[in-house]
């Protein structure tokens, strides 16, 4: 059995980058609004917290976008930026085909 890579295609990666960009603009808007409208001494904790949360969201999204799975004769290898995991076929209970459901069909 030849090894097979499973991951997002270029169109799906681009779509997720757009979603990430829109989310980051929204979070940046929240940070700017919080810094301009709040006059409390502890406002920078909130702004910093939203900034850290934004960084975690971007890193997680990039990790998901470029993460891939390798199907080998011995099992599944999941690869992301921060982790590598191997699951032998003996531990796989079943594999289901994923279907996208939309208004126009399946």
Protein backbone atom coordinates (compact mmCIF):
# COMPACT_ATOMS: atom_id res chain seq x y z
CA UNK A 1 0.00 0.00 0.00
CA UNK A 2 1.51 3.37 -0.98
CA UNK A 3 1.58 6.14 1.61
CA UNK A 4 -1.24 8.68 1.22
CA UNK A 5 -1.29 12.24 2.57
CA UNK A 6 -4.59 13.74 3.75
CA UNK A 7 -4.92 17.48 4.31
CA UNK A 8 -6.64 20.64 3.15
CA UNK A 9 -6.37 21.57 -0.51
CA UNK A 10 -5.31 25.08 -1.58
CA UNK A 11 -8.90 26.37 -1.85
CA UNK A 12 -9.79 25.23 1.69
CA UNK A 13 -6.57 26.69 3.11
CA UNK A 14 -7.35 30.03 1.46
CA UNK A 15 -10.89 29.99 2.84
CA UNK A 16 -9.60 29.35 6.38
CA UNK A 17 -7.03 32.14 5.99
CA UNK A 18 -9.87 34.53 5.12
CA UNK A 19 -11.82 33.41 8.19
CA UNK A 20 -8.74 33.89 10.35
CA UNK A 21 -8.17 37.36 8.92
CA UNK A 22 -11.74 38.43 9.62
CA UNK A 23 -11.54 37.04 13.16
CA UNK A 24 -8.27 38.86 13.79
CA UNK A 25 -9.73 42.14 12.54
CA UNK A 26 -12.66 41.70 14.91
CA UNK A 27 -10.38 40.95 17.85
CA UNK A 28 -8.14 43.91 16.96
CA UNK A 29 -11.26 46.11 16.88
CA UNK A 30 -12.22 44.86 20.34
CA UNK A 31 -8.72 45.64 21.64
CA UNK A 32 -8.79 49.17 20.19
CA UNK A 33 -12.30 49.83 21.50
CA UNK A 34 -11.33 48.57 24.96
CA UNK A 35 -8.20 50.70 25.08
CA UNK A 36 -10.01 53.87 23.96
CA UNK A 37 -13.25 53.60 25.93
CA UNK A 38 -12.21 52.13 29.25
CA UNK A 39 -10.61 54.51 31.71
CA UNK A 40 -9.88 52.03 34.49
CA UNK A 41 -6.32 51.51 35.73
CA UNK A 42 -6.57 47.77 35.04
CA UNK A 43 -7.71 48.06 31.42
CA UNK A 44 -4.33 46.97 30.07
CA UNK A 45 -4.82 43.56 31.65
CA UNK A 46 -7.95 43.14 29.53
CA UNK A 47 -6.29 44.46 26.37
CA UNK A 48 -3.29 42.20 26.97
CA UNK A 49 -5.57 39.23 27.64
CA UNK A 50 -7.43 39.75 24.37
CA UNK A 51 -4.07 40.13 22.60
CA UNK A 52 -2.77 36.85 24.03
CA UNK A 53 -6.06 35.15 23.16
CA UNK A 54 -5.71 36.45 19.59
CA UNK A 55 -2.23 35.00 19.33
CA UNK A 56 -3.41 31.61 20.57
CA UNK A 57 -6.30 31.63 18.07
CA UNK A 58 -3.99 32.44 15.15
CA UNK A 59 -1.45 29.78 16.14
CA UNK A 60 -4.17 27.17 16.57
CA UNK A 61 -5.69 28.04 13.20
CA UNK A 62 -2.34 27.85 11.41
CA UNK A 63 -1.71 24.53 13.13
CA UNK A 64 -5.07 23.24 11.88
CA UNK A 65 -4.69 24.62 8.35
CA UNK A 66 -1.28 23.05 7.72
CA UNK A 67 -1.74 19.89 9.79
CA UNK A 68 -1.87 16.69 7.76
CA UNK A 69 -2.32 12.96 8.24
CA UNK A 70 -0.22 10.28 6.58
CA UNK A 71 -1.82 6.90 5.94
CA UNK A 72 0.84 4.17 5.98
CA UNK A 73 0.81 0.40 6.08
CA UNK A 74 1.51 0.51 9.82
CA UNK A 75 -1.08 3.13 10.79
CA UNK A 76 -1.95 6.83 10.82
CA UNK A 77 0.60 9.57 11.41
CA UNK A 78 -0.82 12.94 12.43
CA UNK A 79 1.57 15.84 11.81
CA UNK A 80 1.19 19.45 12.88
CA UNK A 81 3.67 22.22 13.69
CA UNK A 82 3.89 21.23 17.34
CA UNK A 83 3.14 17.52 17.47
CA UNK A 84 3.58 14.20 15.78
CA UNK A 85 1.36 11.27 16.72
CA UNK A 86 1.27 7.74 15.36
CA UNK A 87 -1.85 5.58 15.74
CA UNK A 88 -1.41 1.93 14.75
CA UNK A 89 -4.19 0.31 12.71
CA UNK A 90 -4.92 -2.05 15.61
CA UNK A 91 -6.21 0.92 17.63
CA UNK A 92 -8.48 2.29 14.87
CA UNK A 93 -12.08 1.27 15.49
CA UNK A 94 -13.57 2.51 12.20
CA UNK A 95 -13.16 5.12 9.49
CA UNK A 96 -16.15 7.17 8.35
CA UNK A 97 -16.44 9.08 5.12
CA UNK A 98 -16.95 12.78 5.79
CA UNK A 99 -19.65 14.51 3.79
CA UNK A 100 -20.33 18.19 3.49
CA UNK A 101 -23.99 19.04 3.59
CA UNK A 102 -25.16 22.30 2.06
CA UNK A 103 -28.34 23.72 0.61
CA UNK A 104 -27.38 22.56 -2.86
CA UNK A 105 -26.78 18.97 -1.83
CA UNK A 106 -24.26 16.59 -0.30
